[in-house]
Amino acid sequence: MSEIEKAAPARRVSRGERGGWASGFLGAVVEAWDELRIHKTRVLLSLIGVGVAVCALTTVVGVGAIAQQAQIEQLERGSGRPATLVLSPPYNPETGQQGDPAIMADAAATVVERYAIGYAGSTQWMQLSAQFRDGVSLVDAQAVDVDYGVMHRVQVGQGRWFIDRDELRLAPAIVVSDQFWQRLGSPDLRTHPTIQLLGEDPVTAVVVGVLPAQPFDLSLRAYILNSAYASLATPEQVAQAWPQYEFWVPPDMAAELTDLIRRDVAAAYGDGWQVDVNRQDYLAWEGGADPTASIRMVLAGIAVLILILGALGLVNISLVTVRQRIREIGIRRSFGATAPRVFFAVMMESVVATVVAGVAGVVVAVAIVQNPMVRDFVAFGLTDVPPFPVEAALLGLGAATAVGALAGLLPALVAVRVKVIDAIRY
C-alpha cells in the first residue's frame, strides 16, 4: 500500500472531527426550527410574552437615552456646557472694594486670545424699563455676548438668536420671553417689531427672537447684547455693574485652565486682590458625579423586572410542552439519539424561538422610539436628538438569547432524565 493510500483514511477522520461540532450545531438549529414550524400555535403563544418583554426592554433603554439627553440639555441651559469656567468679579478682601470692570474686561480678552478659547463672554443681570402700549413695565434682562447662545443651548421658539452683525446695529436687537412678546400683541417677527427701552438715552430696540413659552412663567424677560446695554446704561449703572465672564473649555483642560486664568487675572489687578474662577457645569457637581445616573438606574431596574416576568412565563410554557413530548423524546432516544443531542436540541428550540422574538421586539422598539410623536412627548424641543442606541438593540437581542437559554435549561434537563422504556409507555 502506498503512502498516499495509508494517509487518506487519516485525513477523512480528521475532516469529520473538525466538522463534527459545526455540523452538530447546525443540525440542532435546523431541527429546532422544524419543531417551531410544527408547533406554530404553541410557539406563538409562548413567545408573545418574550417579544413584548424584549420590546419593552429595548424601548425603555432607547427612551432613557432621549430622556437623559433632555436632562443634560436642560442642565446645560442653566449652567453651561462641560466645561464652563466662570470668572467672578475680583474684590479686595481688606477694603471690600470691587475690581474695575475695565481691567477685568481687558484681562478676560487677553485670556481668550492667549489660550485660544473658542467660546467666551460676559454676562450680567439688570432691570430695564420698557414702554409698552399699556404703560411702562420693568423687564428682567440679561446682557450677554453672541457666544452665550451656543454655550447655554439657548432655544428660540420664533425668530433667531443674536449674530455678530447685531453688534453693529444702531437699533439694538433683543430676544424676549413669550410673555413679553404677548404683551407686545404677538406681532409677526418678519415685520421687525420694536419697543422703546428707557434709560439715560432712550433707545428703540428690535425684537429678533422669542423664547419658547414656559408653563406658569408670567415674567417679562429679555436678552440684550453687552454692547447695546453699554450704550443704554447710565454711568451709575455701569459703575455698579458686576459682570462675570464665562469660558467654554475642553473638560480635560478645565483644572489647568482654572489655575491659569486665576493667575493671569490676579496679575492684572496686582497684589491683595481675590480672584475666583470656578467650574459651574453639571459635571462639576458632587465631585464630577453624573446627575443622570439615577435615571439610568431606575430605567435599568424597570427593564430587568420586565425581562424576568417574560422569562418566567416562557419557562412555565416550556416545562409543560416538554412533558407533553415525553413519548416523542423516548422514541428519539430509542433510535440512537444521545443525551447531549436531546439536551442541546430541546434548549436550541427555546433559543431559536426567543432570538426570532427578540428581533421582532427590537424592530418594534426602534419604530416606537424613533417616532417623532413619542420623542416630543418624552422630551419636547430636544436640540440634539440622539440616534437609537446600538447598545439597546444589542441588549435586547442578548437578553432574548439569554432568556431562551435559561428557559430551555430546565426543560432540557427534564428531557435528558426521561427513561426510554417509560417514555415509550407514556
Protein backbone atom coordinates (compact mmCIF):
# COMPACT_ATOMS: atom_id res chain seq x y z
CA MET A 1 0.00 0.00 0.00
CA SER A 2 1.34 3.36 -0.98
CA GLU A 3 1.99 6.19 1.44
CA ILE A 4 -0.90 8.16 -0.09
CA GLU A 5 -3.37 5.31 0.49
CA LYS A 6 -2.21 4.97 4.09
CA ALA A 7 -2.66 8.68 4.75
CA ALA A 8 -6.10 9.01 3.08
CA PRO A 9 -8.19 7.42 5.90
CA ALA A 10 -6.43 9.59 8.46
CA ARG A 11 -7.36 12.72 6.52
CA ARG A 12 -11.02 11.63 6.29
CA VAL A 13 -11.19 11.12 10.05
CA SER A 14 -9.58 14.47 10.67
CA ARG A 15 -12.14 16.25 8.49
CA GLY A 16 -15.00 14.51 10.28
CA GLU A 17 -13.66 15.53 13.64
CA ARG A 18 -13.21 19.11 12.54
CA GLY A 19 -16.71 19.33 11.12
CA GLY A 20 -18.45 17.39 13.86
CA TRP A 21 -19.10 20.30 16.20
CA ALA A 22 -20.23 22.69 13.47
CA SER A 23 -22.45 20.15 11.74
CA GLY A 24 -23.97 19.16 15.07
CA PHE A 25 -24.72 22.75 15.93
CA LEU A 26 -26.27 23.49 12.54
CA GLY A 27 -28.23 20.27 12.69
CA ALA A 28 -29.62 21.19 16.09
CA VAL A 29 -30.59 24.65 14.84
CA VAL A 30 -32.36 23.22 11.77
CA GLU A 31 -34.09 20.62 13.92
CA ALA A 32 -35.19 23.30 16.37
CA TRP A 33 -36.56 25.41 13.52
CA ASP A 34 -38.52 22.44 12.19
CA GLU A 35 -40.01 21.86 15.63
CA LEU A 36 -41.02 25.51 15.80
CA ARG A 37 -42.74 25.24 12.43
CA ILE A 38 -44.64 22.15 13.55
CA HIS A 39 -45.82 23.72 16.79
CA LYS A 40 -46.64 27.18 15.41
CA THR A 41 -49.56 27.91 17.71
CA ARG A 42 -47.76 26.84 20.87
CA VAL A 43 -44.64 28.74 19.90
CA LEU A 44 -46.56 31.87 19.04
CA LEU A 45 -48.37 31.89 22.36
CA SER A 46 -45.19 31.22 24.33
CA LEU A 47 -43.17 33.88 22.54
CA ILE A 48 -45.64 36.75 22.73
CA GLY A 49 -44.52 37.45 26.28
CA VAL A 50 -40.85 37.28 25.34
CA GLY A 51 -41.30 39.56 22.34
CA VAL A 52 -43.21 42.08 24.43
CA ALA A 53 -40.56 41.90 27.17
CA VAL A 54 -37.70 42.46 24.72
CA CYS A 55 -39.61 45.28 23.04
CA ALA A 56 -40.26 46.89 26.41
CA LEU A 57 -36.63 46.43 27.48
CA THR A 58 -35.25 47.94 24.29
CA THR A 59 -37.82 50.76 24.30
CA VAL A 60 -37.01 51.65 27.90
CA VAL A 61 -33.30 51.86 27.10
CA GLY A 62 -33.94 53.90 23.94
CA VAL A 63 -36.37 56.29 25.64
CA GLY A 64 -33.94 56.54 28.54
CA ALA A 65 -31.27 57.82 26.15
CA ILE A 66 -33.66 60.53 24.93
CA ALA A 67 -34.69 61.47 28.48
CA GLN A 68 -31.05 61.59 29.53
CA GLN A 69 -30.18 63.89 26.62
CA ALA A 70 -33.13 66.12 27.50
CA GLN A 71 -31.99 66.43 31.10
CA ILE A 72 -28.42 67.16 30.02
CA GLU A 73 -29.61 69.92 27.67
CA GLN A 74 -31.76 71.40 30.43
CA LEU A 75 -28.77 71.44 32.80
CA GLU A 76 -26.57 72.99 30.13
CA ARG A 77 -29.07 75.79 29.54
CA GLY A 78 -28.69 76.80 33.14
CA SER A 79 -25.02 76.17 33.93
CA GLY A 80 -23.34 75.87 30.53
CA ARG A 81 -21.79 73.02 28.63
CA PRO A 82 -18.91 71.00 30.03
CA ALA A 83 -16.61 72.52 30.91
CA THR A 84 -17.76 76.07 31.66
CA LEU A 85 -15.42 78.17 33.80
CA VAL A 86 -16.80 81.29 35.48
CA LEU A 87 -14.64 84.27 36.41
CA SER A 88 -16.34 86.23 39.21
CA PRO A 89 -15.70 89.95 39.76
CA PRO A 90 -12.41 90.36 41.71
CA TYR A 91 -12.50 92.15 45.06
CA ASN A 92 -10.12 93.32 47.77
CA PRO A 93 -10.72 91.31 50.99
CA GLU A 94 -9.26 94.04 53.18
CA THR A 95 -11.20 97.02 51.84
CA GLY A 96 -14.17 95.23 50.28
CA GLN A 97 -13.61 97.20 47.07
CA GLN A 98 -14.87 95.68 43.81
CA GLY A 99 -12.44 95.42 40.92
CA ASP A 100 -12.53 97.81 38.00
CA PRO A 101 -14.75 96.22 35.25
CA ALA A 102 -12.49 97.68 32.54
CA ILE A 103 -9.42 95.87 33.91
CA MET A 104 -11.47 92.67 34.15
CA ALA A 105 -12.62 93.01 30.52
CA ASP A 106 -9.05 93.51 29.27
CA ALA A 107 -7.77 90.58 31.34
CA ALA A 108 -10.56 88.31 30.07
CA ALA A 109 -9.85 89.28 26.44
CA THR A 110 -6.17 88.52 26.98
CA VAL A 111 -7.02 85.10 28.45
CA VAL A 112 -9.25 84.23 25.48
CA GLU A 113 -6.53 85.14 23.00
CA ARG A 114 -3.65 83.57 24.94
CA TYR A 115 -5.29 80.16 25.44
CA ALA A 116 -7.27 80.11 22.15
CA ILE A 117 -10.63 79.72 23.86
CA GLY A 118 -13.28 79.39 21.17
CA TYR A 119 -16.37 80.47 23.13
CA ALA A 120 -16.38 83.06 25.89
CA GLY A 121 -18.24 86.17 27.01
CA SER A 122 -19.51 88.24 29.90
CA THR A 123 -22.96 88.20 31.40
CA GLN A 124 -24.77 90.39 33.91
CA TRP A 125 -28.31 90.81 35.19
CA MET A 126 -30.23 94.05 35.38
CA GLN A 127 -33.70 95.51 35.07
CA LEU A 128 -34.79 97.59 32.10
CA SER A 129 -37.79 99.86 31.78
CA ALA A 130 -39.80 99.06 28.66
CA GLN A 131 -42.53 101.28 27.23
CA PHE A 132 -45.45 99.06 26.28
CA ARG A 133 -48.68 100.34 24.79
CA ASP A 134 -50.43 99.99 28.15
CA GLY A 135 -47.65 101.55 30.22
CA VAL A 136 -44.07 101.20 31.43
CA SER A 137 -43.01 97.88 32.99
CA LEU A 138 -39.78 96.58 34.43
CA VAL A 139 -38.16 93.75 32.49
CA ASP A 140 -35.69 91.25 33.96
CA ALA A 141 -32.89 91.47 31.42
CA GLN A 142 -29.57 89.72 30.95
CA ALA A 143 -26.75 91.29 28.97
CA VAL A 144 -24.76 88.64 27.13
CA ASP A 145 -22.44 88.12 24.19
CA VAL A 146 -23.25 86.25 20.99
CA ASP A 147 -21.45 83.09 22.19
CA TYR A 148 -23.82 82.77 25.14
CA GLY A 149 -26.43 81.10 22.93
CA VAL A 150 -24.10 78.24 21.99
CA MET A 151 -22.59 77.87 25.46
CA HIS A 152 -26.01 77.61 27.12
CA ARG A 153 -28.01 75.93 24.34
CA VAL A 154 -30.46 78.82 24.24
CA GLN A 155 -33.55 77.63 22.38
CA VAL A 156 -35.53 80.18 20.37
CA GLY A 157 -39.16 79.38 19.61
CA GLN A 158 -39.54 82.07 16.96
CA GLY A 159 -37.04 84.18 15.07
CA ARG A 160 -33.38 83.74 15.89
CA TRP A 161 -30.62 84.27 18.42
CA PHE A 162 -28.06 87.07 18.17
CA ILE A 163 -25.48 87.06 15.40
CA ASP A 164 -22.23 89.02 15.04
CA ARG A 165 -23.85 91.65 12.80
CA ASP A 166 -26.19 92.61 15.66
CA GLU A 167 -23.21 94.24 17.38
CA LEU A 168 -23.26 96.92 14.65
CA ARG A 169 -26.96 97.77 14.79
CA LEU A 170 -27.99 101.30 15.68
CA ALA A 171 -31.29 99.93 17.00
CA PRO A 172 -30.24 97.18 19.42
CA ALA A 173 -31.59 93.65 18.95
CA ILE A 174 -33.30 91.85 21.82
CA VAL A 175 -34.56 88.31 22.37
CA VAL A 176 -37.63 88.25 24.60
CA SER A 177 -39.76 85.78 26.52
CA ASP A 178 -43.10 84.56 25.24
CA GLN A 179 -44.90 86.65 27.87
CA PHE A 180 -43.01 89.76 26.70
CA TRP A 181 -43.98 89.01 23.10
CA GLN A 182 -47.64 88.57 24.01
CA ARG A 183 -47.54 91.89 25.89
CA LEU A 184 -46.46 93.47 22.60
CA GLY A 185 -49.53 92.00 20.92
CA SER A 186 -47.85 88.87 19.44
CA PRO A 187 -46.58 90.67 16.32
CA ASP A 188 -45.09 88.87 13.33
CA LEU A 189 -41.31 88.98 13.71
CA ARG A 190 -40.97 89.47 9.97
CA THR A 191 -42.36 92.97 10.50
CA HIS A 192 -39.41 93.80 12.81
CA PRO A 193 -41.48 94.79 15.88
CA THR A 194 -39.88 97.40 18.12
CA ILE A 195 -40.15 98.59 21.71
CA GLN A 196 -38.68 101.60 23.46
CA LEU A 197 -36.21 100.92 26.28
CA LEU A 198 -35.99 103.79 28.73
CA GLY A 199 -32.69 104.93 30.20
CA GLU A 200 -30.38 107.91 30.16
CA ASP A 201 -30.84 107.99 26.42
CA PRO A 202 -33.98 106.00 25.47
CA VAL A 203 -33.46 103.70 22.51
CA THR A 204 -35.75 101.74 20.25
CA ALA A 205 -34.95 98.01 20.31
CA VAL A 206 -35.92 95.48 17.65
CA VAL A 207 -37.28 92.07 18.69
CA VAL A 208 -35.42 89.42 16.68
CA GLY A 209 -36.34 86.30 18.65
CA VAL A 210 -38.87 84.87 21.08
CA LEU A 211 -38.08 82.19 23.67
CA PRO A 212 -40.38 79.16 23.94
CA ALA A 213 -43.31 79.53 26.32
CA GLN A 214 -42.67 78.14 29.80
CA PRO A 215 -45.54 76.77 31.90
CA PHE A 216 -46.57 79.06 34.76
CA ASP A 217 -43.95 81.67 33.75
CA LEU A 218 -45.59 85.09 33.57
CA SER A 219 -42.44 87.18 33.93
CA LEU A 220 -41.17 89.66 31.40
CA ARG A 221 -37.65 88.65 30.41
CA ALA A 222 -35.23 89.69 27.71
CA TYR A 223 -31.68 89.16 26.45
CA ILE A 224 -29.66 92.10 25.15
CA LEU A 225 -26.09 92.28 23.90
CA ASN A 226 -23.47 93.77 26.21
CA SER A 227 -22.51 96.35 23.61
CA ALA A 228 -26.11 97.52 23.31
CA TYR A 229 -26.59 97.70 27.07
CA ALA A 230 -23.40 99.78 27.44
CA SER A 231 -24.95 102.48 25.23
CA LEU A 232 -28.22 102.32 27.14
CA ALA A 233 -27.00 102.18 30.75
CA THR A 234 -26.37 105.25 32.87
CA PRO A 235 -22.88 105.92 34.26
CA GLU A 236 -24.12 104.85 37.69
CA GLN A 237 -25.35 101.54 36.30
CA VAL A 238 -22.05 100.96 34.53
CA ALA A 239 -20.09 101.73 37.72
CA GLN A 240 -22.22 99.34 39.76
CA ALA A 241 -22.15 96.57 37.17
CA TRP A 242 -20.57 93.32 38.36
CA PRO A 243 -20.27 91.23 35.21
CA GLN A 244 -18.92 87.71 35.29
CA TYR A 245 -17.08 86.03 32.45
CA GLU A 246 -17.67 82.51 31.17
CA PHE A 247 -15.22 80.36 29.22
CA TRP A 248 -16.17 77.12 27.46
CA VAL A 249 -13.06 74.94 27.53
CA PRO A 250 -12.26 71.24 26.96
CA PRO A 251 -13.18 69.21 30.09
CA ASP A 252 -9.76 67.56 30.27
CA MET A 253 -8.11 71.01 30.45
CA ALA A 254 -10.57 72.59 32.88
CA ALA A 255 -8.46 72.17 36.02
CA GLU A 256 -5.31 73.52 34.36
CA LEU A 257 -7.05 76.48 32.74
CA THR A 258 -8.78 77.34 36.02
CA ASP A 259 -5.41 77.95 37.66
CA LEU A 260 -4.01 79.77 34.64
CA ILE A 261 -6.98 82.15 34.32
CA ARG A 262 -6.92 82.89 38.04
CA ARG A 263 -3.19 83.63 37.87
CA ASP A 264 -3.42 85.90 34.82
CA VAL A 265 -6.38 87.94 36.11
CA ALA A 266 -4.79 88.31 39.54
CA ALA A 267 -1.62 89.61 37.86
CA ALA A 268 -3.68 92.23 36.02
CA TYR A 269 -5.08 93.61 39.31
CA GLY A 270 -1.94 93.32 41.39
CA ASP A 271 -1.32 92.16 44.96
CA GLY A 272 -4.09 91.93 47.52
CA TRP A 273 -6.95 91.13 45.15
CA GLN A 274 -9.07 87.98 45.42
CA VAL A 275 -9.82 86.32 42.08
CA ASP A 276 -12.26 83.39 41.94
CA VAL A 277 -12.55 81.06 38.94
CA ASN A 278 -14.86 78.08 39.31
CA ARG A 279 -16.30 75.40 37.12
CA GLN A 280 -20.12 75.53 37.10
CA ASP A 281 -21.37 72.96 34.55
CA TYR A 282 -23.31 69.90 35.72
CA LEU A 283 -20.34 67.52 35.50
CA ALA A 284 -18.59 69.57 38.18
CA TRP A 285 -21.30 68.82 40.74
CA GLU A 286 -20.69 66.30 43.51
CA GLY A 287 -17.10 65.69 42.57
CA GLY A 288 -17.86 65.00 38.93
CA ALA A 289 -20.74 62.54 39.53
CA ASP A 290 -23.20 62.32 36.67
CA PRO A 291 -26.62 63.60 37.83
CA THR A 292 -28.32 61.47 35.18
CA ALA A 293 -27.07 58.24 36.77
CA SER A 294 -30.20 57.94 38.93
CA ILE A 295 -32.42 57.97 35.83
CA ARG A 296 -30.40 55.21 34.22
CA MET A 297 -30.54 53.09 37.38
CA VAL A 298 -34.33 53.40 37.62
CA LEU A 299 -34.78 52.55 33.94
CA ALA A 300 -32.42 49.60 34.24
CA GLY A 301 -34.42 48.26 37.20
CA ILE A 302 -37.68 48.51 35.25
CA ALA A 303 -36.11 46.77 32.25
CA VAL A 304 -34.79 43.88 34.37
CA LEU A 305 -38.18 43.39 36.01
CA ILE A 306 -39.89 43.26 32.62
CA LEU A 307 -37.37 40.72 31.38
CA ILE A 308 -37.76 38.49 34.46
CA LEU A 309 -41.53 38.40 34.02
CA GLY A 310 -41.15 37.41 30.37
CA ALA A 311 -38.63 34.69 31.24
CA LEU A 312 -40.86 33.16 33.93
CA GLY A 313 -43.75 32.88 31.51
CA LEU A 314 -41.57 31.17 28.92
CA VAL A 315 -40.14 28.69 31.46
CA ASN A 316 -43.60 27.60 32.55
CA ILE A 317 -44.79 27.05 28.99
CA SER A 318 -41.59 25.21 28.04
CA LEU A 319 -41.89 22.79 31.00
CA VAL A 320 -45.48 21.96 30.12
CA THR A 321 -44.53 21.46 26.48
CA VAL A 322 -41.66 19.07 27.26
CA ARG A 323 -43.87 16.91 29.48
CA GLN A 324 -46.31 16.62 26.61
CA ARG A 325 -43.46 15.45 24.33
CA ILE A 326 -42.05 12.74 26.60
CA ARG A 327 -43.18 9.95 24.24
CA GLU A 328 -41.58 11.71 21.28
CA ILE A 329 -38.31 12.11 23.19
CA GLY A 330 -38.33 8.46 24.22
CA ILE A 331 -38.74 7.34 20.62
CA ARG A 332 -35.84 9.53 19.54
CA ARG A 333 -33.67 8.09 22.28
CA SER A 334 -34.59 4.55 21.21
CA PHE A 335 -33.38 5.29 17.68
CA GLY A 336 -29.95 6.33 18.99
CA ALA A 337 -30.24 9.97 19.91
CA THR A 338 -27.68 10.66 22.62
CA ALA A 339 -28.46 12.57 25.82
CA PRO A 340 -26.31 15.57 24.82
CA ARG A 341 -28.07 15.73 21.44
CA VAL A 342 -31.51 15.70 23.06
CA PHE A 343 -30.40 18.25 25.66
CA PHE A 344 -28.97 20.58 23.04
CA ALA A 345 -31.95 20.18 20.68
CA VAL A 346 -34.51 20.99 23.37
CA MET A 347 -32.52 24.01 24.53
CA MET A 348 -31.99 25.28 20.99
CA GLU A 349 -35.72 25.24 20.40
CA SER A 350 -36.10 27.90 23.09
CA VAL A 351 -33.03 29.84 21.96
CA VAL A 352 -34.03 29.97 18.28
CA ALA A 353 -37.57 30.94 19.18
CA THR A 354 -36.54 33.70 21.57
CA VAL A 355 -33.99 35.11 19.11
CA VAL A 356 -36.74 35.41 16.49
CA ALA A 357 -38.99 37.04 19.07
CA GLY A 358 -36.11 39.29 20.11
CA VAL A 359 -35.54 40.51 16.55
CA ALA A 360 -39.24 41.32 16.21
CA GLY A 361 -39.26 43.09 19.57
CA VAL A 362 -36.20 45.19 18.69
CA VAL A 363 -37.70 46.23 15.34
CA VAL A 364 -40.92 47.35 17.03
CA ALA A 365 -38.90 49.17 19.74
CA VAL A 366 -36.90 51.10 17.13
CA ALA A 367 -40.11 52.16 15.41
CA ILE A 368 -41.57 53.34 18.73
CA VAL A 369 -38.51 55.26 19.93
CA GLN A 370 -37.85 56.95 16.58
CA ASN A 371 -41.45 58.07 16.25
CA PRO A 372 -41.48 61.91 16.38
CA MET A 373 -44.66 61.92 18.49
CA VAL A 374 -43.06 59.71 21.13
CA ARG A 375 -39.84 61.73 21.07
CA ASP A 376 -41.70 65.02 21.50
CA PHE A 377 -43.77 63.56 24.32
CA VAL A 378 -40.67 62.40 26.20
CA ALA A 379 -38.52 65.47 25.51
CA PHE A 380 -40.20 68.28 23.64
CA GLY A 381 -37.85 70.72 21.92
CA LEU A 382 -34.78 68.49 22.06
CA THR A 383 -31.90 70.20 20.26
CA ASP A 384 -29.54 67.29 19.61
CA VAL A 385 -31.74 64.24 19.07
CA PRO A 386 -29.64 61.15 19.87
CA PRO A 387 -29.76 58.26 17.39
CA PHE A 388 -31.27 54.99 18.51
CA PRO A 389 -28.61 53.49 20.77
CA VAL A 390 -26.97 50.44 19.24
CA GLU A 391 -26.35 49.09 22.75
CA ALA A 392 -30.13 49.00 23.27
CA ALA A 393 -30.62 46.75 20.23
CA LEU A 394 -27.70 44.51 21.25
CA LEU A 395 -29.03 44.37 24.78
CA GLY A 396 -32.45 43.32 23.52
CA LEU A 397 -31.03 40.55 21.31
CA GLY A 398 -28.65 39.42 24.04
CA ALA A 399 -31.46 39.35 26.59
CA ALA A 400 -33.63 37.33 24.22
CA THR A 401 -30.84 34.79 23.72
CA ALA A 402 -30.14 34.56 27.43
CA VAL A 403 -33.82 34.12 28.25
CA GLY A 404 -34.06 31.37 25.66
CA ALA A 405 -31.05 29.55 27.10
CA LEU A 406 -32.29 29.84 30.68
CA ALA A 407 -35.85 28.93 29.74
CA GLY A 408 -34.63 25.90 27.80
CA LEU A 409 -32.29 24.68 30.53
CA LEU A 410 -34.90 23.15 32.84
CA PRO A 411 -36.93 21.51 30.05
CA ALA A 412 -33.71 20.14 28.55
CA LEU A 413 -32.72 18.60 31.90
CA VAL A 414 -36.16 17.04 32.20
CA ALA A 415 -35.88 15.63 28.66
CA VAL A 416 -32.45 14.09 29.36
CA ARG A 417 -33.65 12.32 32.51
CA VAL A 418 -36.51 10.61 30.72
CA LYS A 419 -36.06 6.81 30.65
CA VAL A 420 -36.53 5.34 27.22
CA ILE A 421 -38.85 2.46 28.25
CA ASP A 422 -41.00 4.63 30.49
CA ALA A 423 -41.23 7.33 27.82
CA ILE A 424 -42.42 4.90 25.16
CA ARG A 425 -45.10 3.57 27.53
CA TYR A 426 -46.18 7.10 28.48
